[in-house]
């Protein structure tokens, strides 16, 4: 459910409004436990998404960067390598152990 929450700080080019909104939406979905709120809760849900997006934007824009900015392409390649390494570690022996 939180796949859209990504690191947004210190990228070149900077995080877009769409990326900030997507992260805020996923956060609110996670903490509320719902992907689509009931009609009675829709306004509160939308307000929460906007508040989280605003605070996220302020945080990302207000932090002082150190070192070279990241690029999305390099970070994507790193994530793919981590995924491959993680899936390789989860391959285990078949259930039941040895069958000598």
PDB file of N, CA and C in Angstrom:
ATOM      1  N   UNK A   1       0.818  -1.193   0.000  1.00  0.00           N
ATOM      2  CA  UNK A   1       0.000   0.000   0.000  1.00  0.00           C
ATOM      3  C   UNK A   1       0.866   1.263   0.000  1.00  0.00           C
ATOM      4  N   UNK A   2       2.115   1.195   0.384  1.00  0.00           N
ATOM      5  CA  UNK A   2       2.943   2.397   0.493  1.00  0.00           C
ATOM      6  C   UNK A   2       4.002   2.495  -0.595  1.00  0.00           C
ATOM      7  N   UNK A   3       3.773   1.873  -1.707  1.00  0.00           N
ATOM      8  CA  UNK A   3       4.784   1.875  -2.766  1.00  0.00           C
ATOM      9  C   UNK A   3       5.036   3.257  -3.349  1.00  0.00           C
ATOM     10  N   UNK A   4       4.076   4.173  -3.246  1.00  0.00           N
ATOM     11  CA  UNK A   4       4.270   5.514  -3.805  1.00  0.00           C
ATOM     12  C   UNK A   4       5.010   6.443  -2.861  1.00  0.00           C
ATOM     13  N   UNK A   5       5.279   6.003  -1.665  1.00  0.00           N
ATOM     14  CA  UNK A   5       6.030   6.852  -0.742  1.00  0.00           C
ATOM     15  C   UNK A   5       7.501   6.629  -1.039  1.00  0.00           C
ATOM     16  N   UNK A   6       8.107   7.645  -1.588  1.00  0.00           N
ATOM     17  CA  UNK A   6       9.507   7.592  -2.007  1.00  0.00           C
ATOM     18  C   UNK A   6      10.275   8.701  -1.323  1.00  0.00           C
ATOM     19  N   UNK A   7      11.582   8.562  -1.322  1.00  0.00           N
ATOM     20  CA  UNK A   7      12.434   9.651  -0.862  1.00  0.00           C
ATOM     21  C   UNK A   7      12.236  10.799  -1.842  1.00  0.00           C
ATOM     22  N   UNK A   8      11.959  11.977  -1.329  1.00  0.00           N
ATOM     23  CA  UNK A   8      11.687  13.132  -2.181  1.00  0.00           C
ATOM     24  C   UNK A   8      12.746  14.217  -2.041  1.00  0.00           C
ATOM     25  N   UNK A   9      13.608  14.097  -1.066  1.00  0.00           N
ATOM     26  CA  UNK A   9      14.580  15.136  -0.777  1.00  0.00           C
ATOM     27  C   UNK A   9      15.861  14.974  -1.586  1.00  0.00           C
ATOM     28  N   UNK A  10      16.364  16.078  -2.063  1.00  0.00           N
ATOM     29  CA  UNK A  10      17.683  16.207  -2.680  1.00  0.00           C
ATOM     30  C   UNK A  10      17.802  15.440  -3.994  1.00  0.00           C
ATOM     31  N   UNK A  11      16.827  15.664  -4.868  1.00  0.00           N
ATOM     32  CA  UNK A  11      16.853  15.088  -6.207  1.00  0.00           C
ATOM     33  C   UNK A  11      17.043  16.185  -7.231  1.00  0.00           C
ATOM     34  N   UNK A  12      17.615  15.812  -8.346  1.00  0.00           N
ATOM     35  CA  UNK A  12      17.740  16.718  -9.478  1.00  0.00           C
ATOM     36  C   UNK A  12      17.079  16.043 -10.668  1.00  0.00           C
ATOM     37  N   UNK A  13      15.991  16.569 -11.195  1.00  0.00           N
ATOM     38  CA  UNK A  13      15.268  17.759 -10.778  1.00  0.00           C
ATOM     39  C   UNK A  13      14.506  17.505  -9.474  1.00  0.00           C
ATOM     40  N   UNK A  14      14.116  18.580  -8.782  1.00  0.00           N
ATOM     41  CA  UNK A  14      13.421  18.443  -7.495  1.00  0.00           C
ATOM     42  C   UNK A  14      12.104  17.671  -7.623  1.00  0.00           C
ATOM     43  N   UNK A  15      11.627  17.188  -6.480  1.00  0.00           N
ATOM     44  CA  UNK A  15      10.357  16.455  -6.443  1.00  0.00           C
ATOM     45  C   UNK A  15       9.242  17.319  -7.023  1.00  0.00           C
ATOM     46  N   UNK A  16       8.372  16.681  -7.783  1.00  0.00           N
ATOM     47  CA  UNK A  16       7.247  17.393  -8.386  1.00  0.00           C
ATOM     48  C   UNK A  16       6.064  17.424  -7.424  1.00  0.00           C
ATOM     49  N   UNK A  17       5.113  18.294  -7.735  1.00  0.00           N
ATOM     50  CA  UNK A  17       3.882  18.333  -6.933  1.00  0.00           C
ATOM     51  C   UNK A  17       3.170  16.984  -6.988  1.00  0.00           C
ATOM     52  N   UNK A  18       3.223  16.330  -8.135  1.00  0.00           N
ATOM     53  CA  UNK A  18       2.591  15.016  -8.275  1.00  0.00           C
ATOM     54  C   UNK A  18       3.213  13.971  -7.368  1.00  0.00           C
ATOM     55  N   UNK A  19       4.541  13.980  -7.263  1.00  0.00           N
ATOM     56  CA  UNK A  19       5.234  13.029  -6.387  1.00  0.00           C
ATOM     57  C   UNK A  19       4.900  13.304  -4.922  1.00  0.00           C
ATOM     58  N   UNK A  20       4.846  14.573  -4.562  1.00  0.00           N
ATOM     59  CA  UNK A  20       4.516  14.943  -3.181  1.00  0.00           C
ATOM     60  C   UNK A  20       3.082  14.529  -2.866  1.00  0.00           C
ATOM     61  N   UNK A  21       2.160  14.793  -3.773  1.00  0.00           N
ATOM     62  CA  UNK A  21       0.756  14.436  -3.549  1.00  0.00           C
ATOM     63  C   UNK A  21       0.586  12.914  -3.461  1.00  0.00           C
ATOM     64  N   UNK A  22       1.268  12.170  -4.337  1.00  0.00           N
ATOM     65  CA  UNK A  22       1.161  10.703  -4.317  1.00  0.00           C
ATOM     66  C   UNK A  22       1.650  10.140  -2.986  1.00  0.00           C
ATOM     67  N   UNK A  23       2.748  10.677  -2.466  1.00  0.00           N
ATOM     68  CA  UNK A  23       3.264  10.211  -1.175  1.00  0.00           C
ATOM     69  C   UNK A  23       2.285  10.545  -0.058  1.00  0.00           C
ATOM     70  N   UNK A  24       1.716  11.738  -0.095  1.00  0.00           N
ATOM     71  CA  UNK A  24       0.747  12.149   0.932  1.00  0.00           C
ATOM     72  C   UNK A  24      -0.491  11.266   0.878  1.00  0.00           C
ATOM     73  N   UNK A  25      -0.978  10.993  -0.317  1.00  0.00           N
ATOM     74  CA  UNK A  25      -2.154  10.142  -0.474  1.00  0.00           C
ATOM     75  C   UNK A  25      -1.899   8.751   0.077  1.00  0.00           C
ATOM     76  N   UNK A  26      -0.761   8.165  -0.234  1.00  0.00           N
ATOM     77  CA  UNK A  26      -0.442   6.829   0.265  1.00  0.00           C
ATOM     78  C   UNK A  26      -0.315   6.821   1.785  1.00  0.00           C
ATOM     79  N   UNK A  27       0.274   7.875   2.340  1.00  0.00           N
ATOM     80  CA  UNK A  27       0.401   7.959   3.793  1.00  0.00           C
ATOM     81  C   UNK A  27      -0.985   7.993   4.446  1.00  0.00           C
ATOM     82  N   UNK A  28      -1.863   8.850   3.951  1.00  0.00           N
ATOM     83  CA  UNK A  28      -3.206   8.958   4.533  1.00  0.00           C
ATOM     84  C   UNK A  28      -3.981   7.656   4.343  1.00  0.00           C
ATOM     85  N   UNK A  29      -3.826   7.014   3.201  1.00  0.00           N
ATOM     86  CA  UNK A  29      -4.471   5.717   2.998  1.00  0.00           C
ATOM     87  C   UNK A  29      -3.992   4.706   4.030  1.00  0.00           C
ATOM     88  N   UNK A  30      -2.693   4.704   4.284  1.00  0.00           N
ATOM     89  CA  UNK A  30      -2.125   3.734   5.229  1.00  0.00           C
ATOM     90  C   UNK A  30      -2.640   3.969   6.638  1.00  0.00           C
ATOM     91  N   UNK A  31      -2.557   5.217   7.111  1.00  0.00           N
ATOM     92  CA  UNK A  31      -2.938   5.460   8.500  1.00  0.00           C
ATOM     93  C   UNK A  31      -4.449   5.400   8.704  1.00  0.00           C
ATOM     94  N   UNK A  32      -5.232   5.661   7.660  1.00  0.00           N
ATOM     95  CA  UNK A  32      -6.686   5.582   7.805  1.00  0.00           C
ATOM     96  C   UNK A  32      -7.191   4.156   7.592  1.00  0.00           C
ATOM     97  N   UNK A  33      -6.371   3.327   6.959  1.00  0.00           N
ATOM     98  CA  UNK A  33      -6.766   1.943   6.723  1.00  0.00           C
ATOM     99  C   UNK A  33      -7.745   1.780   5.582  1.00  0.00           C
ATOM    100  N   UNK A  34      -7.868   2.803   4.743  1.00  0.00           N
ATOM    101  CA  UNK A  34      -8.803   2.699   3.639  1.00  0.00           C
ATOM    102  C   UNK A  34      -8.221   3.312   2.376  1.00  0.00           C
ATOM    103  N   UNK A  35      -8.519   2.679   1.285  1.00  0.00           N
ATOM    104  CA  UNK A  35      -8.085   3.184  -0.015  1.00  0.00           C
ATOM    105  C   UNK A  35      -9.049   4.247  -0.514  1.00  0.00           C
ATOM    106  N   UNK A  36     -10.324   4.051  -0.264  1.00  0.00           N
ATOM    107  CA  UNK A  36     -11.367   4.994  -0.670  1.00  0.00           C
ATOM    108  C   UNK A  36     -12.311   5.166   0.508  1.00  0.00           C
ATOM    109  N   UNK A  37     -12.305   6.338   1.122  1.00  0.00           N
ATOM    110  CA  UNK A  37     -13.151   6.537   2.305  1.00  0.00           C
ATOM    111  C   UNK A  37     -14.636   6.597   1.950  1.00  0.00           C
ATOM    112  N   UNK A  38     -15.462   6.362   2.945  1.00  0.00           N
ATOM    113  CA  UNK A  38     -16.906   6.506   2.774  1.00  0.00           C
ATOM    114  C   UNK A  38     -17.211   7.968   2.456  1.00  0.00           C
ATOM    115  N   UNK A  39     -18.313   8.200   1.796  1.00  0.00           N
ATOM    116  CA  UNK A  39     -18.703   9.554   1.408  1.00  0.00           C
ATOM    117  C   UNK A  39     -18.691  10.500   2.609  1.00  0.00           C
ATOM    118  N   UNK A  40     -19.117  10.023   3.763  1.00  0.00           N
ATOM    119  CA  UNK A  40     -19.154  10.857   4.966  1.00  0.00           C
ATOM    120  C   UNK A  40     -17.759  11.280   5.424  1.00  0.00           C
ATOM    121  N   UNK A  41     -16.742  10.517   5.057  1.00  0.00           N
ATOM    122  CA  UNK A  41     -15.368  10.812   5.482  1.00  0.00           C
ATOM    123  C   UNK A  41     -14.504  11.423   4.374  1.00  0.00           C
ATOM    124  N   UNK A  42     -15.052  11.576   3.176  1.00  0.00           N
ATOM    125  CA  UNK A  42     -14.257  12.022   2.032  1.00  0.00           C
ATOM    126  C   UNK A  42     -13.622  13.397   2.251  1.00  0.00           C
ATOM    127  N   UNK A  43     -14.367  14.345   2.776  1.00  0.00           N
ATOM    128  CA  UNK A  43     -13.829  15.698   2.979  1.00  0.00           C
ATOM    129  C   UNK A  43     -12.663  15.676   3.964  1.00  0.00           C
ATOM    130  N   UNK A  44     -12.805  14.947   5.060  1.00  0.00           N
ATOM    131  CA  UNK A  44     -11.740  14.853   6.065  1.00  0.00           C
ATOM    132  C   UNK A  44     -10.515  14.171   5.467  1.00  0.00           C
ATOM    133  N   UNK A  45     -10.735  13.133   4.693  1.00  0.00           N
ATOM    134  CA  UNK A  45      -9.659  12.408   4.027  1.00  0.00           C
ATOM    135  C   UNK A  45      -8.887  13.349   3.094  1.00  0.00           C
ATOM    136  N   UNK A  46      -9.627  14.089   2.254  1.00  0.00           N
ATOM    137  CA  UNK A  46      -8.998  15.020   1.316  1.00  0.00           C
ATOM    138  C   UNK A  46      -8.224  16.119   2.043  1.00  0.00           C
ATOM    139  N   UNK A  47      -8.788  16.615   3.140  1.00  0.00           N
ATOM    140  CA  UNK A  47      -8.095  17.631   3.946  1.00  0.00           C
ATOM    141  C   UNK A  47      -6.783  17.082   4.498  1.00  0.00           C
ATOM    142  N   UNK A  48      -6.812  15.846   4.947  1.00  0.00           N
ATOM    143  CA  UNK A  48      -5.604  15.217   5.493  1.00  0.00           C
ATOM    144  C   UNK A  48      -4.541  15.071   4.412  1.00  0.00           C
ATOM    145  N   UNK A  49      -4.934  14.660   3.210  1.00  0.00           N
ATOM    146  CA  UNK A  49      -3.980  14.518   2.111  1.00  0.00           C
ATOM    147  C   UNK A  49      -3.335  15.866   1.818  1.00  0.00           C
ATOM    148  N   UNK A  50      -4.132  16.917   1.736  1.00  0.00           N
ATOM    149  CA  UNK A  50      -3.592  18.251   1.449  1.00  0.00           C
ATOM    150  C   UNK A  50      -2.672  18.739   2.564  1.00  0.00           C
ATOM    151  N   UNK A  51      -3.029  18.473   3.821  1.00  0.00           N
ATOM    152  CA  UNK A  51      -2.187  18.889   4.953  1.00  0.00           C
ATOM    153  C   UNK A  51      -0.846  18.152   4.933  1.00  0.00           C
ATOM    154  N   UNK A  52      -0.879  16.857   4.690  1.00  0.00           N
ATOM    155  CA  UNK A  52       0.358  16.074   4.642  1.00  0.00           C
ATOM    156  C   UNK A  52       1.213  16.528   3.455  1.00  0.00           C
ATOM    157  N   UNK A  53       0.587  16.800   2.323  1.00  0.00           N
ATOM    158  CA  UNK A  53       1.336  17.277   1.152  1.00  0.00           C
ATOM    159  C   UNK A  53       1.994  18.622   1.455  1.00  0.00           C
ATOM    160  N   UNK A  54       1.264  19.525   2.096  1.00  0.00           N
ATOM    161  CA  UNK A  54       1.813  20.844   2.427  1.00  0.00           C
ATOM    162  C   UNK A  54       3.015  20.718   3.356  1.00  0.00           C
ATOM    163  N   UNK A  55       2.882  19.927   4.392  1.00  0.00           N
ATOM    164  CA  UNK A  55       3.973  19.754   5.351  1.00  0.00           C
ATOM    165  C   UNK A  55       5.159  19.059   4.696  1.00  0.00           C
ATOM    166  N   UNK A  56       4.893  18.086   3.846  1.00  0.00           N
ATOM    167  CA  UNK A  56       5.969  17.393   3.121  1.00  0.00           C
ATOM    168  C   UNK A  56       6.718  18.368   2.225  1.00  0.00           C
ATOM    169  N   UNK A  57       5.984  19.187   1.504  1.00  0.00           N
ATOM    170  CA  UNK A  57       6.597  20.190   0.624  1.00  0.00           C
ATOM    171  C   UNK A  57       7.484  21.139   1.431  1.00  0.00           C
ATOM    172  N   UNK A  58       6.974  21.624   2.567  1.00  0.00           N
ATOM    173  CA  UNK A  58       7.753  22.520   3.431  1.00  0.00           C
ATOM    174  C   UNK A  58       9.015  21.837   3.939  1.00  0.00           C
ATOM    175  N   UNK A  59       8.896  20.584   4.323  1.00  0.00           N
ATOM    176  CA  UNK A  59      10.047  19.838   4.816  1.00  0.00           C
ATOM    177  C   UNK A  59      11.103  19.687   3.730  1.00  0.00           C
ATOM    178  N   UNK A  60      10.695  19.198   2.566  1.00  0.00           N
ATOM    179  CA  UNK A  60      11.633  18.930   1.477  1.00  0.00           C
ATOM    180  C   UNK A  60      12.303  20.225   1.007  1.00  0.00           C
ATOM    181  N   UNK A  61      11.533  21.284   0.904  1.00  0.00           N
ATOM    182  CA  UNK A  61      12.085  22.552   0.428  1.00  0.00           C
ATOM    183  C   UNK A  61      12.931  23.254   1.481  1.00  0.00           C
ATOM    184  N   UNK A  62      12.711  22.966   2.754  1.00  0.00           N
ATOM    185  CA  UNK A  62      13.416  23.652   3.820  1.00  0.00           C
ATOM    186  C   UNK A  62      14.686  22.981   4.310  1.00  0.00           C
ATOM    187  N   UNK A  63      14.900  21.740   3.937  1.00  0.00           N
ATOM    188  CA  UNK A  63      16.085  21.016   4.403  1.00  0.00           C
ATOM    189  C   UNK A  63      17.318  21.455   3.625  1.00  0.00           C
ATOM    190  N   UNK A  64      18.462  21.419   4.285  1.00  0.00           N
ATOM    191  CA  UNK A  64      19.736  21.768   3.658  1.00  0.00           C
ATOM    192  C   UNK A  64      20.382  20.512   3.090  1.00  0.00           C
ATOM    193  N   UNK A  65      20.619  20.481   1.782  1.00  0.00           N
ATOM    194  CA  UNK A  65      21.223  19.291   1.178  1.00  0.00           C
ATOM    195  C   UNK A  65      22.725  19.215   1.439  1.00  0.00           C
ATOM    196  N   UNK A  66      23.234  18.008   1.466  1.00  0.00           N
ATOM    197  CA  UNK A  66      24.667  17.752   1.598  1.00  0.00           C
ATOM    198  C   UNK A  66      25.066  16.767   0.512  1.00  0.00           C
ATOM    199  N   UNK A  67      26.153  17.038  -0.143  1.00  0.00           N
ATOM    200  CA  UNK A  67      26.615  16.144  -1.196  1.00  0.00           C
ATOM    201  C   UNK A  67      25.890  16.396  -2.503  1.00  0.00           C
ATOM    202  N   UNK A  68      26.204  15.568  -3.458  1.00  0.00           N
ATOM    203  CA  UNK A  68      25.617  15.702  -4.791  1.00  0.00           C
ATOM    204  C   UNK A  68      24.155  15.265  -4.769  1.00  0.00           C
ATOM    205  N   UNK A  69      23.305  15.923  -5.563  1.00  0.00           N
ATOM    206  CA  UNK A  69      21.897  15.501  -5.622  1.00  0.00           C
ATOM    207  C   UNK A  69      21.759  14.124  -6.253  1.00  0.00           C
ATOM    208  N   UNK A  70      20.704  13.422  -5.876  1.00  0.00           N
ATOM    209  CA  UNK A  70      20.413  12.102  -6.424  1.00  0.00           C
ATOM    210  C   UNK A  70      19.673  12.272  -7.748  1.00  0.00           C
ATOM    211  N   UNK A  71      19.724  11.229  -8.562  1.00  0.00           N
ATOM    212  CA  UNK A  71      18.910  11.206  -9.779  1.00  0.00           C
ATOM    213  C   UNK A  71      17.960  10.028  -9.683  1.00  0.00           C
ATOM    214  N   UNK A  72      16.815  10.176 -10.277  1.00  0.00           N
ATOM    215  CA  UNK A  72      15.811   9.115 -10.225  1.00  0.00           C
ATOM    216  C   UNK A  72      16.302   7.845 -10.912  1.00  0.00           C
ATOM    217  N   UNK A  73      17.056   7.996 -11.972  1.00  0.00           N
ATOM    218  CA  UNK A  73      17.548   6.826 -12.715  1.00  0.00           C
ATOM    219  C   UNK A  73      18.505   5.995 -11.866  1.00  0.00           C
ATOM    220  N   UNK A  74      19.433   6.659 -11.178  1.00  0.00           N
ATOM    221  CA  UNK A  74      20.398   5.950 -10.333  1.00  0.00           C
ATOM    222  C   UNK A  74      19.680   5.289  -9.157  1.00  0.00           C
ATOM    223  N   UNK A  75      18.743   6.005  -8.537  1.00  0.00           N
ATOM    224  CA  UNK A  75      18.007   5.434  -7.402  1.00  0.00           C
ATOM    225  C   UNK A  75      17.144   4.251  -7.837  1.00  0.00           C
ATOM    226  N   UNK A  76      16.569   4.322  -9.031  1.00  0.00           N
ATOM    227  CA  UNK A  76      15.783   3.200  -9.554  1.00  0.00           C
ATOM    228  C   UNK A  76      16.668   1.978  -9.777  1.00  0.00           C
ATOM    229  N   UNK A  77      17.856   2.180 -10.319  1.00  0.00           N
ATOM    230  CA  UNK A  77      18.787   1.070 -10.535  1.00  0.00           C
ATOM    231  C   UNK A  77      19.187   0.434  -9.199  1.00  0.00           C
ATOM    232  N   UNK A  78      19.437   1.273  -8.185  1.00  0.00           N
ATOM    233  CA  UNK A  78      19.777   0.743  -6.856  1.00  0.00           C
ATOM    234  C   UNK A  78      18.625  -0.080  -6.289  1.00  0.00           C
ATOM    235  N   UNK A  79      17.394   0.415  -6.446  1.00  0.00           N
ATOM    236  CA  UNK A  79      16.222  -0.306  -5.934  1.00  0.00           C
ATOM    237  C   UNK A  79      16.064  -1.650  -6.628  1.00  0.00           C
ATOM    238  N   UNK A  80      16.311  -1.689  -7.921  1.00  0.00           N
ATOM    239  CA  UNK A  80      16.218  -2.959  -8.653  1.00  0.00           C
ATOM    240  C   UNK A  80      17.260  -3.952  -8.160  1.00  0.00           C
ATOM    241  N   UNK A  81      18.485  -3.469  -7.906  1.00  0.00           N
ATOM    242  CA  UNK A  81      19.534  -4.366  -7.376  1.00  0.00           C
ATOM    243  C   UNK A  81      19.147  -4.892  -5.995  1.00  0.00           C
ATOM    244  N   UNK A  82      18.584  -4.028  -5.146  1.00  0.00           N
ATOM    245  CA  UNK A  82      18.150  -4.479  -3.812  1.00  0.00           C
ATOM    246  C   UNK A  82      17.050  -5.523  -3.927  1.00  0.00           C
ATOM    247  N   UNK A  83      16.122  -5.317  -4.869  1.00  0.00           N
ATOM    248  CA  UNK A  83      15.037  -6.272  -5.066  1.00  0.00           C
ATOM    249  C   UNK A  83      15.584  -7.628  -5.494  1.00  0.00           C
ATOM    250  N   UNK A  84      16.491  -7.627  -6.442  1.00  0.00           N
ATOM    251  CA  UNK A  84      17.081  -8.883  -6.918  1.00  0.00           C
ATOM    252  C   UNK A  84      17.802  -9.587  -5.779  1.00  0.00           C
ATOM    253  N   UNK A  85      18.575  -8.845  -4.993  1.00  0.00           N
ATOM    254  CA  UNK A  85      19.298  -9.442  -3.861  1.00  0.00           C
ATOM    255  C   UNK A  85      18.320  -9.997  -2.829  1.00  0.00           C
ATOM    256  N   UNK A  86      17.246  -9.256  -2.557  1.00  0.00           N
ATOM    257  CA  UNK A  86      16.259  -9.694  -1.561  1.00  0.00           C
ATOM    258  C   UNK A  86      15.538 -10.947  -2.032  1.00  0.00           C
ATOM    259  N   UNK A  87      15.153 -10.998  -3.288  1.00  0.00           N
ATOM    260  CA  UNK A  87      14.436 -12.179  -3.775  1.00  0.00           C
ATOM    261  C   UNK A  87      15.363 -13.380  -3.863  1.00  0.00           C
ATOM    262  N   UNK A  88      16.632 -13.163  -4.133  1.00  0.00           N
ATOM    263  CA  UNK A  88      17.588 -14.277  -4.179  1.00  0.00           C
ATOM    264  C   UNK A  88      17.757 -14.891  -2.792  1.00  0.00           C
ATOM    265  N   UNK A  89      17.703 -14.071  -1.750  1.00  0.00           N
ATOM    266  CA  UNK A  89      17.857 -14.571  -0.367  1.00  0.00           C
ATOM    267  C   UNK A  89      16.633 -15.338   0.087  1.00  0.00           C
ATOM    268  N   UNK A  90      15.464 -15.045  -0.459  1.00  0.00           N
ATOM    269  CA  UNK A  90      14.241 -15.696   0.005  1.00  0.00           C
ATOM    270  C   UNK A  90      14.015 -17.056  -0.620  1.00  0.00           C
ATOM    271  N   UNK A  91      14.797 -17.408  -1.620  1.00  0.00           N
ATOM    272  CA  UNK A  91      14.680 -18.735  -2.222  1.00  0.00           C
ATOM    273  C   UNK A  91      15.226 -19.737  -1.220  1.00  0.00           C
ATOM    274  N   UNK A  92      14.373 -20.676  -0.818  1.00  0.00           N
ATOM    275  CA  UNK A  92      14.761 -21.653   0.204  1.00  0.00           C
ATOM    276  C   UNK A  92      14.537 -23.074  -0.325  1.00  0.00           C
ATOM    277  N   UNK A  93      14.948 -24.019   0.488  1.00  0.00           N
ATOM    278  CA  UNK A  93      14.754 -25.429   0.128  1.00  0.00           C
ATOM    279  C   UNK A  93      13.264 -25.746   0.118  1.00  0.00           C
ATOM    280  N   UNK A  94      12.845 -26.730  -0.658  1.00  0.00           N
ATOM    281  CA  UNK A  94      11.436 -27.103  -0.699  1.00  0.00           C
ATOM    282  C   UNK A  94      10.946 -27.576   0.655  1.00  0.00           C
ATOM    283  N   UNK A  95       9.656 -27.429   0.950  1.00  0.00           N
ATOM    284  CA  UNK A  95       9.114 -27.892   2.237  1.00  0.00           C
ATOM    285  C   UNK A  95       9.366 -29.380   2.436  1.00  0.00           C
ATOM    286  N   UNK A  96       9.610 -29.760   3.662  1.00  0.00           N
ATOM    287  CA  UNK A  96       9.812 -31.167   3.980  1.00  0.00           C
ATOM    288  C   UNK A  96      11.261 -31.553   4.110  1.00  0.00           C
ATOM    289  N   UNK A  97      12.162 -30.652   3.749  1.00  0.00           N
ATOM    290  CA  UNK A  97      13.583 -30.922   3.914  1.00  0.00           C
ATOM    291  C   UNK A  97      14.082 -31.944   2.926  1.00  0.00           C
ATOM    292  N   UNK A  98      15.159 -32.678   3.316  1.00  0.00           N
ATOM    293  CA  UNK A  98      15.780 -33.671   2.443  1.00  0.00           C
ATOM    294  C   UNK A  98      14.864 -34.892   2.335  1.00  0.00           C
ATOM    295  N   UNK A  99      14.913 -35.540   1.184  1.00  0.00           N
ATOM    296  CA  UNK A  99      14.119 -36.753   0.991  1.00  0.00           C
ATOM    297  C   UNK A  99      15.017 -37.899   0.570  1.00  0.00           C
ATOM    298  N   UNK A 100      15.994 -38.248   1.420  1.00  0.00           N
ATOM    299  CA  UNK A 100      16.922 -39.345   1.117  1.00  0.00           C
ATOM    300  C   UNK A 100      16.266 -40.664   1.280  1.00  0.00           C
TER     301      UNK A 100
END
